[in-house]
PDB file of N, CA and C in Angstrom:
ATOM      1  N   MET A   1      72.893 180.881  94.689  1.00  0.00           N
ATOM      2  CA  MET A   1      72.055 179.679  94.574  1.00  0.00           C
ATOM      3  C   MET A   1      71.308 179.678  93.243  1.00  0.00           C
ATOM      4  N   LYS A   2      70.629 180.783  92.942  1.00  0.00           N
ATOM      5  CA  LYS A   2      69.891 180.853  91.677  1.00  0.00           C
ATOM      6  C   LYS A   2      70.845 180.695  90.488  1.00  0.00           C
ATOM      7  N   LYS A   3      71.978 181.363  90.581  1.00  0.00           N
ATOM      8  CA  LYS A   3      72.934 181.307  89.468  1.00  0.00           C
ATOM      9  C   LYS A   3      73.335 179.860  89.177  1.00  0.00           C
ATOM     10  N   THR A   4      73.655 179.089  90.225  1.00  0.00           N
ATOM     11  CA  THR A   4      74.103 177.712  90.012  1.00  0.00           C
ATOM     12  C   THR A   4      72.983 176.891  89.378  1.00  0.00           C
ATOM     13  N   ILE A   5      71.734 177.100  89.830  1.00  0.00           N
ATOM     14  CA  ILE A   5      70.615 176.345  89.259  1.00  0.00           C
ATOM     15  C   ILE A   5      70.503 176.654  87.773  1.00  0.00           C
ATOM     16  N   PHE A   6      70.517 177.940  87.431  1.00  0.00           N
ATOM     17  CA  PHE A   6      70.394 178.301  86.013  1.00  0.00           C
ATOM     18  C   PHE A   6      71.585 177.770  85.224  1.00  0.00           C
ATOM     19  N   GLY A   7      72.777 177.822  85.828  1.00  0.00           N
ATOM     20  CA  GLY A   7      73.963 177.302  85.155  1.00  0.00           C
ATOM     21  C   GLY A   7      73.816 175.813  84.877  1.00  0.00           C
ATOM     22  N   ASN A   8      73.336 175.066  85.873  1.00  0.00           N
ATOM     23  CA  ASN A   8      73.148 173.620  85.691  1.00  0.00           C
ATOM     24  C   ASN A   8      72.120 173.348  84.600  1.00  0.00           C
ATOM     25  N   VAL A   9      71.027 174.114  84.619  1.00  0.00           N
ATOM     26  CA  VAL A   9      69.989 173.919  83.600  1.00  0.00           C
ATOM     27  C   VAL A   9      70.572 174.159  82.216  1.00  0.00           C
ATOM     28  N   LYS A  10      71.355 175.231  82.084  1.00  0.00           N
ATOM     29  CA  LYS A  10      71.971 175.537  80.783  1.00  0.00           C
ATOM     30  C   LYS A  10      72.878 174.392  80.351  1.00  0.00           C
ATOM     31  N   MET A  11      73.699 173.905  81.287  1.00  0.00           N
ATOM     32  CA  MET A  11      74.613 172.809  80.947  1.00  0.00           C
ATOM     33  C   MET A  11      73.841 171.572  80.508  1.00  0.00           C
ATOM     34  N   VAL A  12      72.789 171.240  81.253  1.00  0.00           N
ATOM     35  CA  VAL A  12      71.987 170.064  80.906  1.00  0.00           C
ATOM     36  C   VAL A  12      71.366 170.255  79.531  1.00  0.00           C
ATOM     37  N   ALA A  13      70.816 171.452  79.292  1.00  0.00           N
ATOM     38  CA  ALA A  13      70.186 171.727  78.006  1.00  0.00           C
ATOM     39  C   ALA A  13      71.215 171.601  76.887  1.00  0.00           C
ATOM     40  N   LYS A  14      72.409 172.131  77.123  1.00  0.00           N
ATOM     41  CA  LYS A  14      73.449 172.059  76.101  1.00  0.00           C
ATOM     42  C   LYS A  14      73.824 170.603  75.834  1.00  0.00           C
ATOM     43  N   ALA A  15      73.983 169.813  76.896  1.00  0.00           N
ATOM     44  CA  ALA A  15      74.326 168.398  76.729  1.00  0.00           C
ATOM     45  C   ALA A  15      73.240 167.698  75.923  1.00  0.00           C
ATOM     46  N   GLY A  16      71.978 168.004  76.230  1.00  0.00           N
ATOM     47  CA  GLY A  16      70.868 167.393  75.507  1.00  0.00           C
ATOM     48  C   GLY A  16      70.921 167.743  74.039  1.00  0.00           C
ATOM     49  N   SER A  17      71.168 169.023  73.738  1.00  0.00           N
ATOM     50  CA  SER A  17      71.191 169.437  72.332  1.00  0.00           C
ATOM     51  C   SER A  17      72.363 168.774  71.610  1.00  0.00           C
ATOM     52  N   ASP A  18      73.497 168.637  72.287  1.00  0.00           N
ATOM     53  CA  ASP A  18      74.643 167.960  71.676  1.00  0.00           C
ATOM     54  C   ASP A  18      74.287 166.508  71.333  1.00  0.00           C
ATOM     55  N   LYS A  19      73.635 165.827  72.270  1.00  0.00           N
ATOM     56  CA  LYS A  19      73.238 164.436  72.019  1.00  0.00           C
ATOM     57  C   LYS A  19      72.264 164.376  70.851  1.00  0.00           C
ATOM     58  N   GLU A  20      71.285 165.288  70.850  1.00  0.00           N
ATOM     59  CA  GLU A  20      70.306 165.300  69.762  1.00  0.00           C
ATOM     60  C   GLU A  20      71.001 165.536  68.431  1.00  0.00           C
ATOM     61  N   ARG A  21      71.955 166.481  68.432  1.00  0.00           N
ATOM     62  CA  ARG A  21      72.672 166.790  67.189  1.00  0.00           C
ATOM     63  C   ARG A  21      73.397 165.551  66.692  1.00  0.00           C
ATOM     64  N   LYS A  22      74.063 164.835  67.612  1.00  0.00           N
ATOM     65  CA  LYS A  22      74.783 163.619  67.212  1.00  0.00           C
ATOM     66  C   LYS A  22      73.813 162.582  66.650  1.00  0.00           C
ATOM     67  N   LEU A  23      72.685 162.396  67.348  1.00  0.00           N
ATOM     68  CA  LEU A  23      71.691 161.427  66.882  1.00  0.00           C
ATOM     69  C   LEU A  23      71.190 161.809  65.498  1.00  0.00           C
ATOM     70  N   LYS A  24      70.865 163.095  65.323  1.00  0.00           N
ATOM     71  CA  LYS A  24      70.341 163.540  64.027  1.00  0.00           C
ATOM     72  C   LYS A  24      71.364 163.307  62.926  1.00  0.00           C
ATOM     73  N   SER A  25      72.633 163.606  63.215  1.00  0.00           N
ATOM     74  CA  SER A  25      73.666 163.402  62.189  1.00  0.00           C
ATOM     75  C   SER A  25      73.803 161.916  61.872  1.00  0.00           C
ATOM     76  N   GLN A  26      73.711 161.043  62.901  1.00  0.00           N
ATOM     77  CA  GLN A  26      73.786 159.595  62.657  1.00  0.00           C
ATOM     78  C   GLN A  26      72.626 159.144  61.786  1.00  0.00           C
ATOM     79  N   ILE A  27      71.409 159.638  62.110  1.00  0.00           N
ATOM     80  CA  ILE A  27      70.230 159.259  61.325  1.00  0.00           C
ATOM     81  C   ILE A  27      70.418 159.718  59.880  1.00  0.00           C
ATOM     82  N   ARG A  28      70.926 160.958  59.716  1.00  0.00           N
ATOM     83  CA  ARG A  28      71.137 161.482  58.363  1.00  0.00           C
ATOM     84  C   ARG A  28      72.104 160.592  57.599  1.00  0.00           C
ATOM     85  N   LYS A  29      73.201 160.184  58.259  1.00  0.00           N
ATOM     86  CA  LYS A  29      74.185 159.308  57.604  1.00  0.00           C
ATOM     87  C   LYS A  29      73.550 157.991  57.207  1.00  0.00           C
ATOM     88  N   GLN A  30      72.746 157.409  58.132  1.00  0.00           N
ATOM     89  CA  GLN A  30      72.103 156.131  57.831  1.00  0.00           C
ATOM     90  C   GLN A  30      71.152 156.276  56.653  1.00  0.00           C
ATOM     91  N   LYS A  31      70.373 157.373  56.628  1.00  0.00           N
ATOM     92  CA  LYS A  31      69.447 157.588  55.505  1.00  0.00           C
ATOM     93  C   LYS A  31      70.223 157.687  54.204  1.00  0.00           C
ATOM     94  N   LYS A  32      71.370 158.395  54.250  1.00  0.00           N
ATOM     95  CA  LYS A  32      72.197 158.540  53.048  1.00  0.00           C
ATOM     96  C   LYS A  32      72.685 157.169  52.583  1.00  0.00           C
ATOM     97  N   LEU A  33      73.153 156.349  53.527  1.00  0.00           N
ATOM     98  CA  LEU A  33      73.628 155.004  53.178  1.00  0.00           C
ATOM     99  C   LEU A  33      72.504 154.181  52.567  1.00  0.00           C
ATOM    100  N   ILE A  34      71.311 154.253  53.174  1.00  0.00           N
ATOM    101  CA  ILE A  34      70.171 153.486  52.658  1.00  0.00           C
ATOM    102  C   ILE A  34      69.849 153.934  51.241  1.00  0.00           C
ATOM    103  N   LYS A  35      69.881 155.266  51.020  1.00  0.00           N
ATOM    104  CA  LYS A  35      69.577 155.793  49.689  1.00  0.00           C
ATOM    105  C   LYS A  35      70.593 155.248  48.677  1.00  0.00           C
ATOM    106  N   GLU A  36      71.888 155.245  49.055  1.00  0.00           N
ATOM    107  CA  GLU A  36      72.925 154.740  48.155  1.00  0.00           C
ATOM    108  C   GLU A  36      72.705 153.252  47.871  1.00  0.00           C
ATOM    109  N   LEU A  37      72.353 152.498  48.914  1.00  0.00           N
ATOM    110  CA  LEU A  37      72.086 151.063  48.731  1.00  0.00           C
ATOM    111  C   LEU A  37      70.936 150.853  47.754  1.00  0.00           C
ATOM    112  N   LYS A  38      69.862 151.611  47.945  1.00  0.00           N
ATOM    113  CA  LYS A  38      68.703 151.472  47.060  1.00  0.00           C
ATOM    114  C   LYS A  38      69.092 151.779  45.617  1.00  0.00           C
ATOM    115  N   ASN A  39      69.918 152.823  45.430  1.00  0.00           N
ATOM    116  CA  ASN A  39      70.347 153.173  44.078  1.00  0.00           C
ATOM    117  C   ASN A  39      71.150 152.040  43.459  1.00  0.00           C
ATOM    118  N   THR A  40      72.080 151.462  44.230  1.00  0.00           N
ATOM    119  CA  THR A  40      72.890 150.371  43.688  1.00  0.00           C
ATOM    120  C   THR A  40      72.010 149.171  43.377  1.00  0.00           C
ATOM    121  N   ILE A  41      71.025 148.894  44.253  1.00  0.00           N
ATOM    122  CA  ILE A  41      70.120 147.757  44.003  1.00  0.00           C
ATOM    123  C   ILE A  41      69.334 148.008  42.721  1.00  0.00           C
ATOM    124  N   ARG A  42      68.863 149.252  42.553  1.00  0.00           N
ATOM    125  CA  ARG A  42      68.091 149.587  41.352  1.00  0.00           C
ATOM    126  C   ARG A  42      68.947 149.362  40.104  1.00  0.00           C
ATOM    127  N   ILE A  43      70.246 149.670  40.200  1.00  0.00           N
ATOM    128  CA  ILE A  43      71.130 149.508  39.031  1.00  0.00           C
ATOM    129  C   ILE A  43      71.342 148.022  38.744  1.00  0.00           C
ATOM    130  N   TYR A  44      71.550 147.231  39.803  1.00  0.00           N
ATOM    131  CA  TYR A  44      71.890 145.824  39.611  1.00  0.00           C
ATOM    132  C   TYR A  44      70.683 144.900  39.605  1.00  0.00           C
ATOM    133  N   ALA A  45      69.493 145.405  39.944  1.00  0.00           N
ATOM    134  CA  ALA A  45      68.300 144.559  40.041  1.00  0.00           C
ATOM    135  C   ALA A  45      68.032 143.783  38.746  1.00  0.00           C
ATOM    136  N   PRO A  46      68.042 144.424  37.577  1.00  0.00           N
ATOM    137  CA  PRO A  46      67.750 143.687  36.330  1.00  0.00           C
ATOM    138  C   PRO A  46      68.705 142.511  36.129  1.00  0.00           C
ATOM    139  N   TYR A  47      70.002 142.755  36.370  1.00  0.00           N
ATOM    140  CA  TYR A  47      70.980 141.679  36.195  1.00  0.00           C
ATOM    141  C   TYR A  47      70.699 140.546  37.182  1.00  0.00           C
ATOM    142  N   MET A  48      70.337 140.904  38.429  1.00  0.00           N
ATOM    143  CA  MET A  48      70.043 139.894  39.443  1.00  0.00           C
ATOM    144  C   MET A  48      68.825 139.072  39.022  1.00  0.00           C
ATOM    145  N   LYS A  49      67.816 139.739  38.489  1.00  0.00           N
ATOM    146  CA  LYS A  49      66.620 139.020  38.047  1.00  0.00           C
ATOM    147  C   LYS A  49      66.988 138.024  36.956  1.00  0.00           C
ATOM    148  N   PHE A  50      67.788 138.467  35.993  1.00  0.00           N
ATOM    149  CA  PHE A  50      68.183 137.581  34.906  1.00  0.00           C
ATOM    150  C   PHE A  50      68.970 136.390  35.456  1.00  0.00           C
ATOM    151  N   SER A  51      69.852 136.648  36.407  1.00  0.00           N
ATOM    152  CA  SER A  51      70.668 135.563  36.956  1.00  0.00           C
ATOM    153  C   SER A  51      69.796 134.578  37.730  1.00  0.00           C
ATOM    154  N   ASN A  52      68.716 135.085  38.371  1.00  0.00           N
ATOM    155  CA  ASN A  52      67.827 134.192  39.126  1.00  0.00           C
ATOM    156  C   ASN A  52      67.047 133.277  38.181  1.00  0.00           C
ATOM    157  N   GLU A  53      66.669 133.780  37.010  1.00  0.00           N
ATOM    158  CA  GLU A  53      65.823 132.988  36.093  1.00  0.00           C
ATOM    159  C   GLU A  53      66.590 131.933  35.349  1.00  0.00           C
TER     160      GLU A  53
END
């Protein structure tokens, strides 16, 4: 009985950590994409300003 409880807890904990890891990796990817977007905007911003005026 005790063994199964501890086994279930371990499995649940492992599943939770896997989900967290996936979420963290997704957040990291999104941050990377945002950073790349900001860099491209910074490069093209002057040209965009000139085109707007």
